[in-house]
């Protein structure tokens, strides 16, 4: 055991001291914080550009119907199309909205001339105004008052409530659960590949440099493989925890500075559709946020994420270590990595089905099979999973890790000292079934 601990210590310290680890530990939180912070700034910058739109309406239907919006100003012109286009685009630097006159049909066609591509907010507003006006006129022509139709429209607020086996009710939010499921599944997928490949590269590097011959003169190949796997696992866990802590610190510093100048965070919450509807219904928006978060068992989420991250990594890294020990060149790794990676890719490909039907038979079975459970179960947990399924899945994942480690150990033990031989699946099977 002491030898395994020494290998773990060597792998851990040698990797955390690398410049690449330090750089990624710093850049990672900055990028994650930027994903949270930048949208607010980008939204402000996108609203800073003001646009003036000249409206040439030959039908007369839309005169004074386009109202000025934030950063959008409309004015009406009545000259020739070519002259007004020249004036608006070249002289004034504006946009020109041209609505041609039709003899038989209602005016549903229009043309927007601009030097630069207009934003989505511009085209959406123009189409919405024209659509509403034309629809109202068609209703009036049919003898229907548009105000009657408008007054009949209502907003429906649907609140989902989970009832557990003990009869305890908790409010939930499907959108939040879907986002959390996708984020958890993709993060697990990303970490398994990123740190699993590090094990493969490390084994290949030692094998190609013939360092491994010196190492296994003191330790058994199986001990060396386990030490590498657990050492890189600790590196991954360290980097992940540092990312979370540093990201929270950066975001916290930003929010403290932002709240000193304005209440932008509260404005963002109040402007969301869910909280707007909550306010109209007489519900405290912040109370609603607390209820939504309270509907998700964060303790189970955090514990499950750490377990499935480590379990999935240990399972796949043992296979990656076996691949690294069997091959001599990096170009040969792809043909062996693809079959091993297919279950993970399959789980990501079916993520939409799993999220839409988290209690389906396929989702349940995929969350039990060790090769797909790290991603699938993490996608199901935000929606609520019976505790027995979680424990069963975890138990099977542990069994799967032990089995793959044993299998990878047999391949690793023989392949780590093989040089120059072209490896195939038949040869790997021979190593696997060889009796010592």
Foldseek 3Di string as FASTA:
>chain_A
DVLLVVLLVVLQVVVCPDPVLVVCLVVLLVVVLCVVPVVVVVVVVVLPAAAEEEEAEPAPLCVVLDDADRSYHYDYDHDDPVVVCCCQCPVVVHKYKYFDDDDPDDGQDIDIDHPDDDDPVVVVSVNVSVVVSVVQVVCVVVVHHVVVVVVPDDDDDDWDWDQDPVRDIATADLVVLQVQLLVLLVVLLVLLVVLLVVLLVVLLVCLLVVVVVVVCVPPALLSSLSSNLSSSVVSSVVSVVSSVVSNCVVNVVVVVVVVVVHVVVVVVQCPDPVNVVCVVVVHDSVVVVVRHVVLAPVVCLVVLSSLLSSLQNLLSSLVSNLLSLQDNDPVVSVVSVVVLCVLSVVLSVCLVVCSVCVPDPVLLVLCQQLSRVSSSVSSNRRVPDPPVSSVNSSVSSVVSSVVSSLQSSQSNNPSNNDPPDDDDPVVSVCSSPDDD
